[in-house]
Amino acid sequence: MWGHRVTTARNGSEGLAAAEAVDPDLVLLDLRMPVLDGWEFARLARERCLVHKIVVMTAGIDAERQAELVGADGVLPKPFGVDQLIEMVSRVCRKVA
């Protein structure tokens, strides 16, 4: 609807495989995922040069600090609305272009 192609994953391991296959401009990352958590996903994805930008989505305490720890380009504290999500994706994707 907003011109973005979306790929989803059920856990961090699937997310890593998807990033290898798709070469995403942006990853919306939940830090608390099964199999491979967001911190480890971010470390491995950056190490393998699989992602350009990361936006952390978290309900955790101190969301800004957690996003900083993974080198995120933005943070969306949960709960957030669709308008906030679209605005963040648009802003971060402009930085990629």
N, C-alpha and C. Protein backbone atom coordinates (compact mmCIF):
# COMPACT_ATOMS: atom_id res chain seq x y z
N MET A 1 0.81 -1.19 0.00
CA MET A 1 0.00 0.00 0.00
C MET A 1 0.86 1.27 0.00
N TRP A 2 2.02 1.22 0.67
CA TRP A 2 2.91 2.39 0.73
C TRP A 2 4.14 2.19 -0.15
N GLY A 3 4.14 1.16 -0.98
CA GLY A 3 5.22 0.97 -1.92
C GLY A 3 6.42 0.19 -1.41
N HIS A 4 6.24 -0.50 -0.29
CA HIS A 4 7.33 -1.30 0.26
C HIS A 4 7.04 -2.78 0.05
N ARG A 5 8.06 -3.54 -0.28
CA ARG A 5 7.94 -5.00 -0.35
C ARG A 5 8.29 -5.54 1.03
N VAL A 6 7.46 -6.39 1.58
CA VAL A 6 7.63 -6.88 2.94
C VAL A 6 7.88 -8.38 2.95
N THR A 7 8.88 -8.79 3.71
CA THR A 7 9.16 -10.20 3.96
C THR A 7 9.11 -10.39 5.46
N THR A 8 8.49 -11.46 5.92
CA THR A 8 8.38 -11.70 7.37
C THR A 8 9.14 -12.96 7.77
N ALA A 9 9.43 -13.04 9.06
CA ALA A 9 10.09 -14.21 9.63
C ALA A 9 9.51 -14.45 11.02
N ARG A 10 9.44 -15.71 11.42
CA ARG A 10 8.85 -16.06 12.71
C ARG A 10 9.85 -16.02 13.86
N ASN A 11 11.13 -15.99 13.53
CA ASN A 11 12.17 -15.95 14.57
C ASN A 11 13.44 -15.36 13.97
N GLY A 12 14.44 -15.16 14.82
CA GLY A 12 15.67 -14.53 14.37
C GLY A 12 16.45 -15.33 13.34
N SER A 13 16.41 -16.64 13.48
CA SER A 13 17.12 -17.50 12.52
C SER A 13 16.49 -17.38 11.13
N GLU A 14 15.16 -17.43 11.08
CA GLU A 14 14.47 -17.24 9.79
C GLU A 14 14.72 -15.84 9.25
N GLY A 15 14.78 -14.87 10.14
CA GLY A 15 15.06 -13.50 9.73
C GLY A 15 16.42 -13.36 9.08
N LEU A 16 17.40 -14.03 9.65
CA LEU A 16 18.75 -14.00 9.09
C LEU A 16 18.76 -14.63 7.69
N ALA A 17 18.09 -15.76 7.54
CA ALA A 17 18.00 -16.41 6.23
C ALA A 17 17.27 -15.52 5.23
N ALA A 18 16.21 -14.85 5.68
CA ALA A 18 15.46 -13.96 4.79
C ALA A 18 16.32 -12.77 4.37
N ALA A 19 17.10 -12.24 5.29
CA ALA A 19 17.97 -11.11 4.96
C ALA A 19 19.01 -11.51 3.93
N GLU A 20 19.50 -12.73 4.02
CA GLU A 20 20.46 -13.23 3.02
C GLU A 20 19.80 -13.34 1.64
N ALA A 21 18.56 -13.79 1.62
CA ALA A 21 17.86 -14.02 0.35
C ALA A 21 17.34 -12.74 -0.28
N VAL A 22 16.95 -11.76 0.52
CA VAL A 22 16.23 -10.59 0.02
C VAL A 22 17.09 -9.33 -0.11
N ASP A 23 18.12 -9.18 0.69
CA ASP A 23 18.94 -7.96 0.73
C ASP A 23 18.07 -6.75 1.06
N PRO A 24 17.49 -6.73 2.27
CA PRO A 24 16.55 -5.66 2.61
C PRO A 24 17.23 -4.31 2.84
N ASP A 25 16.50 -3.25 2.52
CA ASP A 25 16.96 -1.90 2.84
C ASP A 25 16.78 -1.63 4.33
N LEU A 26 15.78 -2.28 4.92
CA LEU A 26 15.41 -2.01 6.31
C LEU A 26 14.92 -3.29 6.97
N VAL A 27 15.33 -3.49 8.22
CA VAL A 27 14.81 -4.60 9.03
C VAL A 27 14.09 -4.00 10.23
N LEU A 28 12.83 -4.39 10.43
CA LEU A 28 12.09 -4.05 11.63
C LEU A 28 12.35 -5.19 12.60
N LEU A 29 13.04 -4.89 13.68
CA LEU A 29 13.58 -5.94 14.55
C LEU A 29 12.98 -5.90 15.94
N ASP A 30 12.38 -7.02 16.32
CA ASP A 30 11.94 -7.21 17.70
C ASP A 30 13.13 -7.83 18.44
N LEU A 31 13.48 -7.30 19.57
CA LEU A 31 14.65 -7.82 20.29
C LEU A 31 14.39 -9.16 20.95
N ARG A 32 13.18 -9.41 21.34
CA ARG A 32 12.85 -10.66 22.03
C ARG A 32 12.16 -11.61 21.06
N MET A 33 12.98 -12.46 20.42
CA MET A 33 12.49 -13.44 19.46
C MET A 33 13.00 -14.81 19.87
N PRO A 34 12.28 -15.86 19.47
CA PRO A 34 12.78 -17.20 19.74
C PRO A 34 13.93 -17.58 18.80
N VAL A 35 14.62 -18.61 19.13
CA VAL A 35 15.71 -19.23 18.37
C VAL A 35 16.96 -18.34 18.35
N LEU A 36 16.84 -17.13 17.87
CA LEU A 36 17.95 -16.18 17.78
C LEU A 36 17.38 -14.81 18.14
N ASP A 37 17.81 -14.24 19.26
CA ASP A 37 17.21 -12.98 19.69
C ASP A 37 17.70 -11.81 18.83
N GLY A 38 17.09 -10.66 19.05
CA GLY A 38 17.39 -9.49 18.23
C GLY A 38 18.81 -8.99 18.34
N TRP A 39 19.40 -9.08 19.53
CA TRP A 39 20.78 -8.64 19.72
C TRP A 39 21.73 -9.50 18.89
N GLU A 40 21.53 -10.82 18.93
CA GLU A 40 22.38 -11.73 18.16
C GLU A 40 22.10 -11.60 16.66
N PHE A 41 20.82 -11.43 16.29
CA PHE A 41 20.48 -11.21 14.89
C PHE A 41 21.25 -10.00 14.36
N ALA A 42 21.18 -8.89 15.08
CA ALA A 42 21.83 -7.66 14.63
C ALA A 42 23.33 -7.85 14.50
N ARG A 43 23.94 -8.52 15.47
CA ARG A 43 25.39 -8.74 15.42
C ARG A 43 25.76 -9.56 14.18
N LEU A 44 25.06 -10.66 13.96
CA LEU A 44 25.37 -11.53 12.82
C LEU A 44 25.05 -10.85 11.49
N ALA A 45 23.93 -10.15 11.42
CA ALA A 45 23.54 -9.47 10.18
C ALA A 45 24.55 -8.40 9.80
N ARG A 46 25.02 -7.64 10.78
CA ARG A 46 26.03 -6.60 10.51
C ARG A 46 27.36 -7.24 10.13
N GLU A 47 27.73 -8.29 10.85
CA GLU A 47 28.98 -9.01 10.57
C GLU A 47 29.02 -9.52 9.13
N ARG A 48 27.86 -10.00 8.65
CA ARG A 48 27.75 -10.57 7.30
C ARG A 48 27.31 -9.54 6.26
N CYS A 49 27.18 -8.28 6.67
CA CYS A 49 26.75 -7.19 5.77
C CYS A 49 25.41 -7.51 5.09
N LEU A 50 24.45 -7.99 5.87
CA LEU A 50 23.16 -8.39 5.32
C LEU A 50 22.09 -7.31 5.41
N VAL A 51 22.29 -6.32 6.25
CA VAL A 51 21.25 -5.29 6.40
C VAL A 51 21.86 -3.91 6.29
N HIS A 52 21.06 -2.99 5.77
CA HIS A 52 21.50 -1.60 5.64
C HIS A 52 21.05 -0.78 6.84
N LYS A 53 19.80 -0.95 7.23
CA LYS A 53 19.22 -0.18 8.33
C LYS A 53 18.38 -1.11 9.21
N ILE A 54 18.37 -0.79 10.51
CA ILE A 54 17.57 -1.54 11.49
C ILE A 54 16.74 -0.55 12.30
N VAL A 55 15.47 -0.87 12.46
CA VAL A 55 14.60 -0.17 13.39
C VAL A 55 14.16 -1.19 14.43
N VAL A 56 14.44 -0.89 15.68
CA VAL A 56 14.07 -1.78 16.78
C VAL A 56 12.65 -1.45 17.22
N MET A 57 11.84 -2.51 17.38
CA MET A 57 10.50 -2.40 17.93
C MET A 57 10.52 -3.18 19.24
N THR A 58 10.29 -2.49 20.35
CA THR A 58 10.38 -3.17 21.63
C THR A 58 9.43 -2.58 22.66
N ALA A 59 8.97 -3.44 23.54
CA ALA A 59 8.17 -3.01 24.69
C ALA A 59 9.05 -2.98 25.92
N GLY A 60 10.33 -3.28 25.74
CA GLY A 60 11.26 -3.33 26.85
C GLY A 60 11.52 -1.97 27.47
N ILE A 61 12.00 -2.03 28.67
CA ILE A 61 12.38 -0.82 29.39
C ILE A 61 13.59 -0.22 28.70
N ASP A 62 13.63 1.11 28.62
CA ASP A 62 14.74 1.84 28.03
C ASP A 62 14.96 1.45 26.56
N ALA A 63 13.92 1.61 25.78
CA ALA A 63 13.94 1.24 24.36
C ALA A 63 15.06 1.94 23.60
N GLU A 64 15.27 3.21 23.88
CA GLU A 64 16.33 3.96 23.18
C GLU A 64 17.70 3.33 23.42
N ARG A 65 17.97 2.98 24.66
CA ARG A 65 19.26 2.37 25.01
C ARG A 65 19.41 1.01 24.34
N GLN A 66 18.36 0.22 24.32
CA GLN A 66 18.42 -1.10 23.68
C GLN A 66 18.67 -0.96 22.18
N ALA A 67 18.04 0.02 21.56
CA ALA A 67 18.25 0.27 20.13
C ALA A 67 19.69 0.69 19.88
N GLU A 68 20.21 1.51 20.75
CA GLU A 68 21.60 1.96 20.64
C GLU A 68 22.57 0.78 20.73
N LEU A 69 22.27 -0.17 21.61
CA LEU A 69 23.15 -1.33 21.80
C LEU A 69 23.27 -2.20 20.56
N VAL A 70 22.23 -2.22 19.73
CA VAL A 70 22.30 -3.01 18.49
C VAL A 70 22.65 -2.16 17.28
N GLY A 71 22.93 -0.88 17.51
CA GLY A 71 23.29 0.01 16.40
C GLY A 71 22.12 0.33 15.50
N ALA A 72 20.94 0.41 16.07
CA ALA A 72 19.73 0.67 15.28
C ALA A 72 19.69 2.10 14.76
N ASP A 73 18.99 2.27 13.66
CA ASP A 73 18.82 3.57 13.03
C ASP A 73 17.55 4.26 13.50
N GLY A 74 16.75 3.55 14.27
CA GLY A 74 15.52 4.11 14.81
C GLY A 74 14.93 3.14 15.81
N VAL A 75 13.97 3.64 16.58
CA VAL A 75 13.30 2.80 17.58
C VAL A 75 11.82 3.14 17.60
N LEU A 76 10.99 2.11 17.69
CA LEU A 76 9.55 2.26 17.84
C LEU A 76 9.15 1.56 19.14
N PRO A 77 8.95 2.32 20.21
CA PRO A 77 8.52 1.70 21.46
C PRO A 77 7.10 1.15 21.31
N LYS A 78 6.88 -0.08 21.76
CA LYS A 78 5.54 -0.68 21.72
C LYS A 78 4.75 -0.18 22.92
N PRO A 79 3.47 0.01 22.73
CA PRO A 79 2.71 -0.13 21.49
C PRO A 79 2.87 1.11 20.61
N PHE A 80 2.78 0.91 19.31
CA PHE A 80 2.84 2.03 18.37
C PHE A 80 1.74 1.85 17.35
N GLY A 81 1.38 2.93 16.69
CA GLY A 81 0.32 2.90 15.68
C GLY A 81 0.89 2.76 14.28
N VAL A 82 0.00 2.46 13.36
CA VAL A 82 0.40 2.30 11.95
C VAL A 82 1.03 3.59 11.42
N ASP A 83 0.47 4.73 11.80
CA ASP A 83 1.03 6.01 11.33
C ASP A 83 2.47 6.19 11.80
N GLN A 84 2.74 5.82 13.04
CA GLN A 84 4.12 5.92 13.56
C GLN A 84 5.05 4.97 12.80
N LEU A 85 4.57 3.77 12.52
CA LEU A 85 5.37 2.79 11.79
C LEU A 85 5.70 3.30 10.39
N ILE A 86 4.70 3.77 9.67
CA ILE A 86 4.91 4.26 8.30
C ILE A 86 5.85 5.46 8.29
N GLU A 87 5.69 6.36 9.24
CA GLU A 87 6.57 7.54 9.32
C GLU A 87 8.01 7.12 9.56
N MET A 88 8.23 6.18 10.46
CA MET A 88 9.59 5.71 10.76
C MET A 88 10.20 5.00 9.55
N VAL A 89 9.46 4.13 8.93
CA VAL A 89 9.97 3.41 7.76
C VAL A 89 10.31 4.39 6.65
N SER A 90 9.44 5.35 6.41
CA SER A 90 9.70 6.35 5.36
C SER A 90 10.95 7.17 5.67
N ARG A 91 11.08 7.58 6.91
CA ARG A 91 12.24 8.39 7.30
C ARG A 91 13.54 7.60 7.16
N VAL A 92 13.56 6.39 7.65
CA VAL A 92 14.79 5.58 7.61
C VAL A 92 15.10 5.15 6.18
N CYS A 93 14.08 4.82 5.40
CA CYS A 93 14.32 4.40 4.01
C CYS A 93 14.84 5.56 3.16
N ARG A 94 14.45 6.79 3.46
CA ARG A 94 15.00 7.95 2.73
C ARG A 94 16.51 8.03 2.92
N LYS A 95 16.98 7.63 4.08
CA LYS A 95 18.42 7.67 4.38
C LYS A 95 19.17 6.61 3.59
N VAL A 96 18.48 5.56 3.15
CA VAL A 96 19.12 4.48 2.39
C VAL A 96 19.32 4.90 0.94
N ALA A 97 18.33 5.59 0.40
CA ALA A 97 18.35 5.94 -1.04
C ALA A 97 19.52 6.81 -1.41
